[in-house]
Protein backbone atom coordinates (compact mmCIF):
# COMPACT_ATOMS: atom_id res chain seq x y z
CA MET A 1 18.48 13.97 -43.86
CA ASN A 2 19.58 16.23 -41.59
CA ALA A 3 23.07 17.87 -43.04
CA ASN A 4 23.87 18.15 -39.91
CA VAL A 5 23.41 15.17 -37.49
CA GLN A 6 23.38 12.55 -39.43
CA ARG A 7 24.11 9.79 -37.04
CA VAL A 8 23.37 9.08 -33.37
CA LEU A 9 23.28 6.25 -30.75
CA VAL A 10 20.25 6.34 -28.42
CA SER A 11 21.60 4.46 -24.53
CA GLY A 12 17.91 3.33 -23.47
CA ALA A 13 15.15 1.87 -25.16
CA GLY A 14 12.64 2.92 -22.64
CA ILE A 15 10.06 5.87 -22.78
CA GLY A 16 12.09 8.91 -23.63
CA GLY A 17 14.82 6.42 -25.71
CA LEU A 18 12.12 4.56 -28.53
CA ALA A 19 10.45 8.38 -28.39
CA VAL A 20 13.51 10.63 -29.30
CA ALA A 21 14.60 7.20 -31.70
CA ALA A 22 11.37 7.12 -33.62
CA GLY A 23 11.11 11.17 -34.10
CA LEU A 24 14.84 11.47 -35.58
CA ALA A 25 14.93 7.91 -37.45
CA ARG A 26 11.41 9.42 -39.80
CA GLN A 27 13.90 12.38 -40.36
CA GLY A 28 15.60 10.30 -42.23
CA VAL A 29 18.19 10.36 -39.53
CA GLN A 30 20.78 7.44 -39.08
CA VAL A 31 20.11 5.84 -35.86
CA ASP A 32 21.47 3.19 -33.64
CA ILE A 33 19.55 1.96 -30.37
CA VAL A 34 21.34 0.55 -27.18
CA GLU A 35 19.83 -1.63 -24.19
CA ALA A 36 21.19 -3.29 -21.17
CA ARG A 37 18.08 -4.69 -20.78
CA GLN A 38 17.74 -8.40 -22.89
CA ASP A 39 14.50 -7.78 -23.36
CA LEU A 40 12.42 -4.61 -23.85
CA THR A 41 9.15 -6.13 -21.09
CA ALA A 42 7.89 -3.08 -19.99
CA THR A 43 8.58 -2.07 -16.14
CA GLY A 44 5.75 -1.31 -14.20
CA VAL A 45 1.84 -1.78 -14.63
CA GLY A 46 0.33 1.33 -15.91
CA ILE A 47 0.59 4.49 -16.80
CA SER A 48 -1.77 7.54 -17.23
CA LEU A 49 -0.55 10.49 -20.33
CA PRO A 50 -2.30 13.77 -19.73
CA ASN A 51 -2.69 16.59 -22.71
CA ASN A 52 0.35 17.67 -23.39
CA ALA A 53 2.17 13.60 -23.04
CA LEU A 54 -0.78 12.74 -26.34
CA ARG A 55 0.44 16.03 -28.26
CA MET A 56 3.78 14.24 -28.73
CA LEU A 57 2.72 11.24 -30.09
CA LYS A 58 0.49 12.89 -32.08
CA CYS A 59 3.81 14.55 -33.19
CA LEU A 60 5.48 11.40 -33.41
CA GLY A 61 2.55 9.66 -35.29
CA VAL A 62 1.77 6.81 -33.19
CA LEU A 63 -1.04 9.44 -31.32
CA ASP A 64 -4.18 7.06 -32.80
CA GLU A 65 -2.97 3.61 -31.99
CA CYS A 66 -1.61 4.31 -28.61
CA LEU A 67 -5.65 5.99 -27.79
CA ALA A 68 -7.09 2.87 -29.67
CA SER A 69 -4.79 0.95 -27.06
CA GLY A 70 -6.00 2.87 -24.04
CA TYR A 71 -8.56 4.10 -22.17
CA VAL A 72 -9.81 7.54 -23.37
CA PHE A 73 -11.04 9.87 -19.85
CA ASP A 74 -11.80 13.65 -20.01
CA GLU A 75 -12.04 13.88 -15.72
CA TYR A 76 -10.19 13.88 -12.80
CA ALA A 77 -11.56 13.39 -9.52
CA MET A 78 -10.34 13.75 -5.13
CA CYS A 79 -11.61 11.73 -2.55
CA ASP A 80 -11.63 11.07 1.21
CA ALA A 81 -10.52 7.77 1.80
CA ALA A 82 -13.90 6.65 1.10
CA GLY A 83 -14.73 7.53 -2.16
CA GLU A 84 -16.57 11.09 -1.17
CA THR A 85 -15.64 13.37 -3.99
CA ILE A 86 -14.27 16.26 -2.26
CA VAL A 87 -13.11 17.82 -5.90
CA GLY A 88 -14.35 16.75 -9.42
CA MET A 89 -12.54 18.88 -12.40
CA PRO A 90 -12.67 18.39 -16.26
CA LEU A 91 -9.90 16.87 -18.80
CA ARG A 92 -10.82 19.22 -21.64
CA ALA A 93 -9.04 18.27 -25.03
CA SER A 94 -6.82 20.84 -26.65
CA SER A 95 -7.89 23.03 -29.20
CA ASP A 96 -5.72 20.27 -32.12
CA GLY A 97 -8.17 18.17 -31.01
CA VAL A 98 -6.10 15.48 -28.54
CA PRO A 99 -7.35 14.12 -25.93
CA GLY A 100 -7.73 15.52 -21.96
CA TYR A 101 -6.14 11.74 -20.52
CA LEU A 102 -5.03 8.74 -21.60
CA GLY A 103 -4.37 5.36 -18.89
CA ILE A 104 -2.61 2.79 -21.31
CA ALA A 105 -0.23 -0.45 -20.00
CA ARG A 106 3.18 0.99 -20.33
CA ALA A 107 4.30 -2.34 -22.01
CA ARG A 108 2.19 -1.93 -24.57
CA LEU A 109 3.51 1.48 -25.25
CA ALA A 110 6.74 0.53 -25.30
CA ALA A 111 5.92 -1.50 -28.27
CA ILE A 112 3.73 1.03 -30.39
CA LEU A 113 7.40 3.76 -29.61
CA HIS A 114 9.50 -0.25 -30.57
CA THR A 115 7.96 -0.53 -33.53
CA ALA A 116 7.91 3.02 -34.36
CA ALA A 117 11.07 3.46 -34.28
CA THR A 118 12.10 0.03 -35.96
CA SER A 119 9.53 0.43 -38.14
CA ALA A 120 11.32 4.29 -39.33
CA GLY A 121 14.95 2.64 -39.86
CA ALA A 122 16.31 2.30 -35.72
CA LYS A 123 18.51 -0.36 -35.51
CA LEU A 124 18.31 -2.00 -32.04
CA ARG A 125 20.76 -3.81 -29.77
CA LEU A 126 19.40 -5.13 -26.72
CA GLY A 127 21.97 -7.05 -23.79
CA VAL A 128 23.89 -3.58 -25.09
CA THR A 129 25.95 -0.97 -22.69
CA ILE A 130 28.34 2.05 -23.51
CA GLU A 131 31.28 0.52 -22.53
CA GLU A 132 34.01 3.97 -23.88
CA PHE A 133 32.78 7.12 -24.08
CA THR A 134 35.42 10.20 -25.75
CA GLU A 135 34.59 12.68 -27.79
CA ASP A 136 35.90 16.20 -29.70
CA SER A 137 35.28 18.87 -32.10
CA GLN A 138 34.71 16.47 -34.72
CA ALA A 139 32.90 13.19 -33.37
CA ALA A 140 31.50 10.66 -30.22
CA LEU A 141 33.47 7.58 -30.14
CA VAL A 142 31.68 4.80 -28.86
CA ARG A 143 33.71 0.97 -28.40
CA THR A 144 29.75 -1.01 -26.95
CA SER A 145 29.55 -3.67 -24.16
CA ASP A 146 29.38 -6.07 -27.50
CA GLY A 147 32.98 -5.49 -28.68
CA GLN A 148 31.71 -2.55 -31.97
CA GLU A 149 33.25 0.78 -32.17
CA ALA A 150 31.69 4.04 -34.07
CA GLU A 151 31.50 7.22 -34.10
CA TYR A 152 28.15 9.77 -33.70
CA ASP A 153 27.59 12.94 -34.00
CA VAL A 154 25.89 13.02 -30.56
CA VAL A 155 24.67 10.77 -28.15
CA ILE A 156 21.56 10.52 -26.33
CA GLY A 157 21.65 9.14 -22.78
CA CYS A 158 18.43 7.90 -22.06
CA GLU A 159 19.11 5.06 -19.60
CA GLY A 160 16.44 5.86 -16.85
CA LEU A 161 16.65 6.85 -13.55
CA ARG A 162 20.17 5.53 -12.94
CA SER A 163 21.57 6.51 -16.08
CA PRO A 164 25.77 5.48 -16.38
CA LEU A 165 26.22 7.97 -18.73
CA ARG A 166 25.36 10.89 -16.59
CA ALA A 167 27.71 9.91 -14.21
CA ARG A 168 30.11 9.53 -16.80
CA LEU A 169 30.50 12.99 -18.14
CA PHE A 170 28.88 14.51 -14.77
CA GLY A 171 29.42 12.15 -11.61
CA ALA A 172 28.24 10.64 -8.28
CA ALA A 173 27.33 13.63 -7.52
CA ALA A 174 24.04 14.17 -10.04
CA GLY A 175 22.78 10.79 -9.26
CA PRO A 176 19.64 10.32 -8.11
CA VAL A 177 17.67 11.13 -3.89
CA PHE A 178 15.42 9.97 -2.41
CA THR A 179 11.87 12.14 -1.64
CA GLY A 180 11.48 9.68 1.75
CA TYR A 181 7.74 7.76 0.20
CA SER A 182 7.37 5.00 -2.34
CA CYS A 183 5.14 3.94 -4.67
CA TRP A 184 3.63 0.58 -4.72
CA ARG A 185 1.40 -0.47 -8.43
CA THR A 186 -0.82 -3.62 -9.95
CA ARG A 187 -3.31 -4.35 -12.40
CA THR A 188 -6.67 -5.05 -11.24
CA LYS A 189 -10.64 -5.22 -12.93
CA ARG A 190 -11.60 -1.75 -13.92
CA ARG A 191 -13.62 -0.18 -11.86
CA VAL A 192 -13.36 3.42 -12.24
CA THR A 193 -13.62 5.83 -15.04
CA ALA A 194 -11.27 8.18 -15.41
CA MET A 195 -8.52 8.57 -12.80
CA THR A 196 -9.38 9.11 -8.97
CA LYS A 197 -7.54 10.13 -6.46
CA TYR A 198 -7.96 9.15 -2.66
CA VAL A 199 -6.81 10.73 0.32
CA GLY A 200 -5.87 8.57 3.25
CA ASP A 201 -4.43 9.78 7.04
CA ALA A 202 -0.84 10.45 5.37
CA THR A 203 -1.51 8.13 2.29
CA ASP A 204 -2.56 8.17 -1.32
CA ALA A 205 -3.86 5.83 -3.32
CA GLY A 206 -5.34 6.25 -7.25
CA LEU A 207 -7.00 4.26 -9.80
CA VAL A 208 -6.43 4.47 -13.62
CA PRO A 209 -8.43 2.92 -16.31
CA ILE A 210 -5.63 1.69 -18.83
CA ASP A 211 -8.87 -0.67 -21.56
CA GLU A 212 -12.04 -1.37 -20.82
CA ASP A 213 -11.42 -4.70 -18.64
CA GLU A 214 -8.68 -3.61 -16.55
CA MET A 215 -6.98 -0.29 -14.04
CA TYR A 216 -4.23 -0.21 -12.25
CA LEU A 217 -3.78 0.81 -8.24
CA PHE A 218 -0.97 3.09 -7.28
CA HIS A 219 -0.82 3.54 -3.42
CA ILE A 220 1.93 6.68 -2.17
CA THR A 221 3.46 5.19 1.61
CA ALA A 222 5.97 7.39 3.44
CA GLU A 223 9.04 5.14 3.74
CA PRO A 224 11.66 6.71 5.80
CA GLY A 225 14.86 5.21 5.79
CA ASN A 226 14.40 4.19 2.10
CA PRO A 227 13.58 0.87 3.37
CA TYR A 228 13.98 -2.64 1.71
CA HIS A 229 10.86 -5.06 1.64
CA GLU A 230 11.58 -8.48 0.77
CA PRO A 231 9.73 -8.87 -2.61
CA GLN A 232 7.44 -12.11 -1.40
CA ASP A 233 5.84 -9.74 0.98
CA TRP A 234 4.87 -7.26 -0.98
CA ARG A 235 1.37 -8.02 -1.18
CA ASP A 236 0.77 -8.51 2.39
CA LEU A 237 2.86 -5.10 3.27
CA LEU A 238 0.67 -3.05 0.53
CA GLU A 239 -2.75 -4.77 2.07
CA ALA A 240 -1.52 -3.69 5.77
CA ARG A 241 -1.17 0.13 4.24
CA MET A 242 -4.01 0.23 2.76
CA ALA A 243 -6.04 -0.27 5.60
CA GLY A 244 -8.11 1.97 6.26
CA TYR A 245 -9.49 2.69 3.15
CA THR A 246 -13.79 1.98 2.88
CA GLY A 247 -15.71 1.60 -0.49
CA VAL A 248 -13.95 1.00 -4.27
CA VAL A 249 -10.09 0.96 -3.16
CA ALA A 250 -10.77 -1.60 -0.08
CA GLU A 251 -12.53 -4.09 -2.68
CA VAL A 252 -9.21 -3.76 -4.16
CA ARG A 253 -7.12 -3.87 -1.03
CA ASP A 254 -8.73 -7.27 -0.17
CA ASN A 255 -8.70 -8.22 -4.21
CA LEU A 256 -5.23 -7.87 -4.10
CA PRO A 257 -2.64 -10.01 -6.42
CA PRO A 258 0.13 -12.58 -6.04
CA ALA A 259 3.17 -10.19 -4.92
CA SER A 260 4.74 -10.95 -7.71
CA GLU A 261 1.92 -8.84 -9.74
CA ILE A 262 2.79 -5.34 -8.05
CA ILE A 263 5.46 -3.30 -7.96
CA TYR A 264 7.24 -1.03 -5.30
CA SER A 265 8.86 1.65 -5.85
CA PRO A 266 10.68 4.31 -4.22
CA LEU A 267 10.64 7.37 -5.24
CA PHE A 268 13.45 8.96 -6.53
CA GLU A 269 13.94 12.70 -8.07
CA VAL A 270 16.96 13.57 -10.31
CA ARG A 271 17.28 17.60 -10.85
CA LEU A 272 21.04 17.83 -12.71
CA PRO A 273 21.69 21.44 -13.03
CA ARG A 274 21.44 22.66 -16.50
CA PRO A 275 23.67 22.29 -18.99
CA TRP A 276 22.15 17.98 -19.63
CA HIS A 277 24.88 17.81 -22.48
CA THR A 278 28.26 18.40 -23.08
CA GLU A 279 30.02 18.55 -26.79
CA ARG A 280 28.79 15.70 -27.78
CA ALA A 281 26.29 13.87 -25.20
CA VAL A 282 23.02 14.78 -23.83
CA LEU A 283 20.83 13.19 -21.44
CA ILE A 284 16.91 13.19 -21.38
CA GLY A 285 14.19 12.08 -19.62
CA ASP A 286 14.89 10.40 -15.78
CA ALA A 287 18.03 10.53 -16.99
CA ALA A 288 18.13 14.02 -16.59
CA HIS A 289 14.75 14.82 -14.30
CA ALA A 290 13.25 12.24 -12.82
CA VAL A 291 9.98 13.78 -10.80
CA VAL A 292 7.91 12.05 -8.40
CA PRO A 293 4.48 11.14 -10.63
CA HIS A 294 1.97 13.53 -9.15
CA LEU A 295 1.51 15.56 -11.53
CA SER A 296 1.65 11.97 -14.47
CA GLN A 297 4.46 13.76 -16.38
CA GLY A 298 7.68 11.39 -15.93
CA GLY A 299 6.74 9.47 -18.89
CA SER A 300 5.22 12.44 -20.24
CA GLN A 301 8.44 15.10 -19.91
CA ALA A 302 10.42 12.01 -21.25
CA LEU A 303 8.36 12.31 -24.42
CA GLU A 304 8.81 16.39 -24.49
CA ASP A 305 11.86 16.13 -24.28
CA ALA A 306 12.04 13.29 -27.01
CA VAL A 307 10.06 15.95 -29.52
CA VAL A 308 12.06 18.90 -28.68
CA LEU A 309 15.30 17.17 -29.51
CA THR A 310 14.23 16.22 -32.49
CA GLU A 311 13.37 19.96 -33.96
CA GLU A 312 16.20 20.89 -32.59
CA LEU A 313 19.03 18.60 -34.03
CA THR A 314 17.12 18.35 -36.77
CA ARG A 315 16.68 22.15 -38.09
CA ARG A 316 20.06 23.52 -36.71
CA PRO A 317 24.21 22.44 -36.54
CA LEU A 318 24.36 20.50 -32.94
CA ALA A 319 27.21 23.25 -31.53
CA GLU A 320 23.68 25.07 -31.77
CA ALA A 321 20.66 22.10 -30.85
CA LEU A 322 21.40 21.36 -27.26
CA PRO A 323 22.05 25.28 -26.08
CA ALA A 324 19.04 25.72 -28.18
CA PHE A 325 16.43 22.01 -26.29
CA MET A 326 18.40 23.66 -23.02
CA ARG A 327 16.74 26.88 -23.45
CA ARG A 328 13.49 25.24 -24.89
CA ARG A 329 13.35 22.70 -22.04
CA PHE A 330 14.95 23.69 -18.06
CA ASP A 331 12.38 26.25 -16.63
CA ARG A 332 10.12 24.49 -17.99
CA VAL A 333 11.18 20.93 -16.37
CA GLN A 334 12.21 22.76 -13.50
CA HIS A 335 8.64 23.91 -13.01
CA ILE A 336 6.94 21.02 -13.63
CA GLN A 337 9.49 19.40 -10.87
CA GLN A 338 8.12 22.03 -8.02
CA ALA A 339 5.08 21.14 -8.59
CA SER A 340 4.45 17.94 -8.29
CA SER A 341 6.90 17.78 -4.87
CA ALA A 342 4.97 20.30 -3.73
CA VAL A 343 1.51 18.15 -4.89
CA MET A 344 3.51 15.71 -2.65
CA ILE A 345 4.34 17.09 -0.01
CA ARG A 346 0.76 18.74 0.69
CA GLU A 347 -1.19 15.62 0.56
CA MET A 348 0.96 13.02 2.25
CA THR A 349 1.19 15.35 5.25
CA THR A 350 -1.97 17.55 4.59
CA PRO A 351 -5.11 15.16 6.81
CA PRO A 352 -8.20 15.07 4.80
CA PRO A 353 -10.54 17.56 5.48
CA VAL A 354 -13.45 17.00 7.24
CA ALA A 355 -16.94 17.93 5.82
CA ALA A 356 -17.25 21.45 6.79
CA ASP A 357 -13.83 22.88 5.47
CA ARG A 358 -14.75 21.05 1.90
CA ALA A 359 -15.86 23.35 0.20
CA ASN A 360 -13.41 25.71 0.61
CA VAL A 361 -10.49 23.11 0.22
CA SER A 362 -12.50 22.02 -3.69
CA ALA A 363 -12.23 25.42 -4.54
CA GLU A 364 -8.65 25.87 -4.18
CA LEU A 365 -8.13 22.15 -5.37
CA ALA A 366 -9.96 23.93 -8.72
CA ARG A 367 -7.53 26.53 -9.03
CA GLU A 368 -3.86 24.19 -8.04
CA MET A 369 -5.37 21.82 -10.70
CA ALA A 370 -6.18 24.59 -13.17
CA ALA A 371 -2.64 26.55 -13.21
CA VAL A 372 -1.29 23.22 -13.58
CA ARG A 373 -3.33 22.38 -16.64
CA ALA A 374 -2.43 26.19 -17.81
CA TYR A 375 0.70 25.62 -17.82
CA LEU A 376 0.93 21.76 -19.95
CA ASP A 377 -0.57 23.85 -22.44
CA GLN A 378 1.90 26.20 -23.17
CA PRO A 379 3.46 24.63 -25.99
CA VAL A 380 6.77 23.61 -25.97
């Protein structure tokens, strides 16, 4: 067992929380997880995980199970609203044989990470939150909503976009900022074999296979002022917003499931300045750096956080581990946030290229995507 960090509380059982709990528990650390939800039913429909995320799943010992549970693909295509290809790119495996991309149902990924954490010894309590938190040079003292009090070496906040621990540690000014755009998601019958994005007039639609039978649709739209839409209207609103598409996207639009099977999510960013930690608490994932989904890096960066934090907490004293974690993570995350935001703004504000410009646009996009992939290929 690591002599420096022996007892950890993880607050939040999403992707980042379960991953860091699994990583630490596998190293012999005593891990408690508290989760505000009464069950671990995953929100969302599917998730796309590029190679950098898959390498982290390999570190956690769950890659093979994830690959068997999802849909592996090695190509990305950007098309116009009618489905004509603008640019296509291979998504190569890394030198260690990890595939280029995986689409998987969020519920399945959550179940795999949950099993990994609890089978390694982490203890999970559902419907429980942090009520009181104090820290000093000796320990973090936590009282939870189920009446338990305990001392921990460190508390890891993985509570997502609206993290209560972030607000407690850094104040309301560190909260999420609306981007002006929202994402609509749903599952449907699989019609593609790779990640395929369709560029409409100030909208994006994407199709990602998640198993042999299903794929998920994501549709990005401008929603100025972050208006509230009644859930029972989501199907009709999504159908109307997809009116400009033909081809396979139109086929999906014309066969949308009921509103209850559609998820509408305003897109927010969190850009917490460094450091993301105090003496005995640290934030990871969306709690520290929520990112727009245009490079598939929300869950990916949470997984990177989890693996890097596990490495640092189990190799050096806490007072050194948290600053070391920040040195490895802050600049990388900031770069990825900026790149993701730039892609979103370009795709949402630039009209689809006319036929005469497509060769130039294709070359430019290929260069941009290759640069992003080269950056993500760098060790974390």
